[in-house]
Amino acid sequence: MTEETPGFEEEPDVPSGATPEDAAPKAAEPDSAKESGPAGPPAGDVQDATQTALIAQLDQVRTALGERTADLQRLQAEYQNYRRRVERDRVTVKEIAVASLLTELLPVLDDIGRAREHDELVGGFKSVAESLETVAAKMGLQQFGKEGEPFDPTIHEALMHSYAPDVTEDTCVAILQPGYRFGERTIRPARVAVAEPQPGVQPGEKASGADEPDTDEENGGPDEG
């Protein structure tokens, strides 16, 4: 029986030609499958989910952009309408003010017209009167009303009325006071004398009861003897 020497451990048998490293016990290799844990989702699925999220965000941005664009367009339209309304009101107020001023000048223009009819428009008064008429015309004042034109109740005011056999419709036979308009606004109608067709008489015919010229000859002349 062989005695073991204390303090010495029995070395494993090493084949001849092997190095000491071969004699060292090999450590157990870790199990990669066990350490990696459970398998995650495939990379393709992750990429598809990311793209879907990005597309959804892009749709939201486009929707918000469309709403903001519509708001801006609506505000721009409202602003344009406001500007047109303000400009229209400004023009209307100006027209009313000018028409009011010209209305106050009409009696003066009537006096000038009467003075011209009586040949009293002479000297410095004539120059001032013509300057005033020129300024009024530049401001847009227009005179209207002529003898012989058809009577229009929207622009004429009848102060006198008569019948005439030589007219086919209500006609202005005399202008008692001219009318004036400013643009499309009539600030004073023309005051006129109106003649209507005489009842029962056609134009060109003589009125009933009119005197007819006497003729000396009838059926070959007066009888002799």
Protein backbone atom coordinates (compact mmCIF):
# COMPACT_ATOMS: atom_id res chain seq x y z
CA MET A 1 0.00 0.00 0.00
CA THR A 2 1.45 3.21 -1.07
CA GLU A 3 1.44 6.16 1.25
CA GLU A 4 0.52 9.59 -0.04
CA THR A 5 2.89 12.33 0.68
CA PRO A 6 1.20 15.07 2.60
CA GLY A 7 1.06 18.54 0.88
CA PHE A 8 1.05 17.20 -2.66
CA GLU A 9 -1.98 16.97 -4.75
CA GLU A 10 -2.32 14.44 -7.37
CA GLU A 11 -2.06 16.02 -10.80
CA PRO A 12 -4.21 14.80 -13.61
CA ASP A 13 -2.69 12.69 -16.20
CA VAL A 14 -1.39 14.75 -19.07
CA PRO A 15 -0.79 13.10 -22.32
CA SER A 16 2.67 13.25 -23.61
CA GLY A 17 3.38 16.27 -25.82
CA ALA A 18 0.56 18.37 -24.31
CA THR A 19 1.16 21.81 -22.85
CA PRO A 20 0.29 22.80 -19.30
CA GLU A 21 -2.60 24.93 -20.54
CA ASP A 22 -4.17 21.80 -21.91
CA ALA A 23 -4.12 20.31 -18.51
CA ALA A 24 -6.09 23.25 -16.99
CA PRO A 25 -9.75 22.56 -16.74
CA LYS A 26 -11.83 24.43 -19.30
CA ALA A 27 -14.36 26.85 -17.98
CA ALA A 28 -17.85 26.21 -19.02
CA GLU A 29 -18.86 28.40 -21.95
CA PRO A 30 -21.89 30.59 -21.28
CA ASP A 31 -25.03 29.64 -23.05
CA SER A 32 -25.66 32.55 -25.40
CA ALA A 33 -29.20 31.50 -25.96
CA LYS A 34 -29.94 31.60 -22.25
CA GLU A 35 -28.20 34.97 -21.62
CA SER A 36 -29.83 36.77 -24.60
CA GLY A 37 -33.27 36.52 -23.03
CA PRO A 38 -36.54 36.26 -24.96
CA ALA A 39 -36.46 37.23 -28.66
CA GLY A 40 -37.76 40.81 -29.54
CA PRO A 41 -40.12 41.81 -32.46
CA PRO A 42 -38.64 41.64 -35.92
CA ALA A 43 -36.88 44.74 -37.21
CA GLY A 44 -39.31 45.05 -40.14
CA ASP A 45 -42.32 45.37 -37.85
CA VAL A 46 -40.63 48.12 -35.82
CA GLN A 47 -39.89 50.10 -38.99
CA ASP A 48 -43.47 49.77 -40.25
CA ALA A 49 -44.83 51.00 -36.91
CA THR A 50 -42.50 54.01 -37.02
CA GLN A 51 -43.58 54.90 -40.54
CA THR A 52 -47.25 54.63 -39.58
CA ALA A 53 -46.73 56.97 -36.64
CA LEU A 54 -44.89 59.47 -38.84
CA ILE A 55 -47.64 59.37 -41.48
CA ALA A 56 -50.29 59.98 -38.81
CA GLN A 57 -48.34 62.98 -37.49
CA LEU A 58 -47.92 64.31 -41.03
CA ASP A 59 -51.67 64.04 -41.63
CA GLN A 60 -52.32 65.98 -38.44
CA VAL A 61 -49.89 68.69 -39.52
CA ARG A 62 -51.51 68.91 -42.95
CA THR A 63 -54.96 69.18 -41.41
CA ALA A 64 -53.82 71.94 -39.06
CA LEU A 65 -52.12 73.76 -41.95
CA GLY A 66 -55.29 73.56 -44.05
CA GLU A 67 -57.37 74.98 -41.20
CA ARG A 68 -54.94 77.85 -40.63
CA THR A 69 -54.84 78.57 -44.37
CA ALA A 70 -58.64 78.68 -44.49
CA ASP A 71 -58.67 81.04 -41.51
CA LEU A 72 -56.20 83.37 -43.21
CA GLN A 73 -58.18 83.35 -46.45
CA ARG A 74 -61.38 84.14 -44.57
CA LEU A 75 -59.71 87.00 -42.70
CA GLN A 76 -58.29 88.37 -45.93
CA ALA A 77 -61.72 88.26 -47.60
CA GLU A 78 -63.31 90.00 -44.62
CA TYR A 79 -60.61 92.68 -44.70
CA GLN A 80 -61.13 93.27 -48.43
CA ASN A 81 -64.88 93.57 -47.89
CA TYR A 82 -64.26 95.99 -45.03
CA ARG A 83 -61.99 98.14 -47.21
CA ARG A 84 -64.56 98.21 -50.03
CA ARG A 85 -67.33 99.09 -47.58
CA VAL A 86 -65.28 101.92 -46.07
CA GLU A 87 -64.40 103.26 -49.52
CA ARG A 88 -68.05 103.06 -50.62
CA ASP A 89 -69.17 104.88 -47.47
CA ARG A 90 -66.51 107.53 -47.99
CA VAL A 91 -67.66 108.16 -51.55
CA THR A 92 -71.29 108.28 -50.44
CA VAL A 93 -70.57 110.79 -47.69
CA LYS A 94 -68.61 112.94 -50.14
CA GLU A 95 -71.44 112.85 -52.69
CA ILE A 96 -73.99 113.83 -50.03
CA ALA A 97 -71.84 116.75 -48.90
CA VAL A 98 -71.29 118.02 -52.46
CA ALA A 99 -74.97 117.61 -53.33
CA SER A 100 -75.92 119.59 -50.23
CA LEU A 101 -73.55 122.39 -51.18
CA LEU A 102 -74.82 122.52 -54.76
CA THR A 103 -78.42 122.56 -53.55
CA GLU A 104 -77.66 125.71 -51.57
CA LEU A 105 -76.22 127.31 -54.72
CA LEU A 106 -79.30 126.66 -56.89
CA PRO A 107 -81.09 129.96 -56.00
CA VAL A 108 -77.95 131.87 -56.99
CA LEU A 109 -77.77 129.99 -60.30
CA ASP A 110 -81.46 130.77 -60.90
CA ASP A 111 -80.75 134.48 -60.40
CA ILE A 112 -77.87 134.26 -62.84
CA GLY A 113 -80.13 132.59 -65.40
CA ARG A 114 -82.83 135.27 -65.07
CA ALA A 115 -80.22 138.01 -65.36
CA ARG A 116 -78.92 136.40 -68.55
CA GLU A 117 -82.42 136.23 -70.03
CA HIS A 118 -82.90 139.96 -69.44
CA ASP A 119 -79.42 140.89 -70.74
CA GLU A 120 -78.40 142.08 -67.29
CA LEU A 121 -75.39 139.78 -67.06
CA VAL A 122 -72.67 142.35 -67.86
CA GLY A 123 -69.41 143.65 -66.48
CA GLY A 124 -67.84 142.12 -63.39
CA PHE A 125 -71.08 140.43 -62.43
CA LYS A 126 -70.92 138.42 -65.66
CA SER A 127 -67.37 137.27 -64.93
CA VAL A 128 -68.25 136.20 -61.39
CA ALA A 129 -71.41 134.43 -62.56
CA GLU A 130 -69.60 132.49 -65.27
CA SER A 131 -66.85 131.47 -62.82
CA LEU A 132 -69.46 130.19 -60.39
CA GLU A 133 -71.20 128.19 -63.13
CA THR A 134 -67.85 126.72 -64.20
CA VAL A 135 -66.99 125.64 -60.65
CA ALA A 136 -70.43 124.08 -60.19
CA ALA A 137 -70.04 122.16 -63.47
CA LYS A 138 -66.62 120.88 -62.41
CA MET A 139 -68.16 119.60 -59.18
CA GLY A 140 -70.59 117.53 -61.28
CA LEU A 141 -73.70 119.75 -61.44
CA GLN A 142 -75.69 119.26 -64.65
CA GLN A 143 -78.63 121.30 -65.85
CA PHE A 144 -81.51 119.61 -67.71
CA GLY A 145 -84.94 120.45 -69.10
CA LYS A 146 -85.75 121.46 -72.69
CA GLU A 147 -88.90 122.50 -74.42
CA GLY A 148 -90.46 119.77 -76.52
CA GLU A 149 -89.14 116.80 -74.58
CA PRO A 150 -91.58 114.19 -73.23
CA PHE A 151 -92.85 114.79 -69.73
CA ASP A 152 -91.22 112.46 -67.19
CA PRO A 153 -92.67 112.71 -63.68
CA THR A 154 -89.43 111.37 -62.19
CA ILE A 155 -87.45 114.41 -63.35
CA HIS A 156 -90.14 116.98 -64.19
CA GLU A 157 -92.56 118.86 -61.97
CA ALA A 158 -95.64 120.12 -63.79
CA LEU A 159 -96.68 123.62 -62.68
CA MET A 160 -98.99 124.36 -65.60
CA HIS A 161 -101.25 122.14 -67.65
CA SER A 162 -102.97 122.56 -70.99
CA TYR A 163 -104.18 120.68 -74.07
CA ALA A 164 -102.65 120.91 -77.51
CA PRO A 165 -103.80 119.27 -80.78
CA ASP A 166 -100.29 118.97 -82.16
CA VAL A 167 -98.77 116.70 -79.47
CA THR A 168 -99.05 112.91 -79.29
CA GLU A 169 -98.03 112.57 -75.62
CA ASP A 170 -97.55 114.66 -72.52
CA THR A 171 -94.96 117.20 -73.58
CA CYS A 172 -92.98 119.93 -71.85
CA VAL A 173 -93.98 123.04 -73.79
CA ALA A 174 -92.23 125.53 -71.49
CA ILE A 175 -89.38 125.32 -68.95
CA LEU A 176 -90.32 127.53 -66.05
CA GLN A 177 -87.28 126.58 -63.99
CA PRO A 178 -84.45 124.28 -65.09
CA GLY A 179 -83.70 121.08 -63.23
CA TYR A 180 -80.33 120.01 -61.87
CA ARG A 181 -78.74 116.63 -61.23
CA PHE A 182 -75.53 115.56 -59.56
CA GLY A 183 -74.26 112.30 -61.00
CA GLU A 184 -77.30 110.01 -60.97
CA ARG A 185 -78.98 112.01 -58.20
CA THR A 186 -81.67 114.53 -59.13
CA ILE A 187 -81.28 117.39 -56.67
CA ARG A 188 -84.11 119.44 -58.20
CA PRO A 189 -86.67 118.48 -60.85
CA ALA A 190 -87.30 120.74 -63.81
CA ARG A 191 -90.45 122.81 -63.32
CA VAL A 192 -92.37 122.86 -66.56
CA ALA A 193 -95.64 123.59 -68.33
CA VAL A 194 -97.16 120.44 -69.75
CA ALA A 195 -99.45 120.02 -72.73
CA GLU A 196 -101.53 116.89 -73.27
CA PRO A 197 -103.10 115.70 -76.51
CA GLN A 198 -106.55 117.20 -76.93
CA PRO A 199 -109.22 114.54 -76.36
CA GLY A 200 -110.88 113.28 -79.56
CA VAL A 201 -108.42 115.02 -81.89
CA GLN A 202 -105.79 113.14 -83.85
CA PRO A 203 -102.45 114.82 -84.49
CA GLY A 204 -102.65 116.96 -87.63
CA GLU A 205 -106.42 117.37 -87.38
CA LYS A 206 -108.14 120.56 -86.36
CA ALA A 207 -109.98 120.84 -83.13
CA SER A 208 -113.75 120.68 -83.17
CA GLY A 209 -115.37 124.08 -83.52
CA ALA A 210 -112.37 125.57 -85.27
CA ASP A 211 -113.24 128.17 -87.90
CA GLU A 212 -112.92 127.05 -91.49
CA PRO A 213 -112.10 129.53 -94.23
CA ASP A 214 -115.08 130.61 -96.36
CA THR A 215 -114.94 129.80 -100.04
CA ASP A 216 -116.55 131.98 -102.66
CA GLU A 217 -116.70 129.22 -105.16
CA GLU A 218 -118.58 126.03 -104.60
CA ASN A 219 -119.40 123.57 -107.33
CA GLY A 220 -118.05 125.78 -110.07
CA GLY A 221 -118.48 129.15 -108.42
CA PRO A 222 -121.40 131.44 -107.49
CA ASP A 223 -124.41 131.60 -109.76
CA GLU A 224 -124.51 134.50 -112.15
CA GLY A 225 -127.48 136.69 -112.64
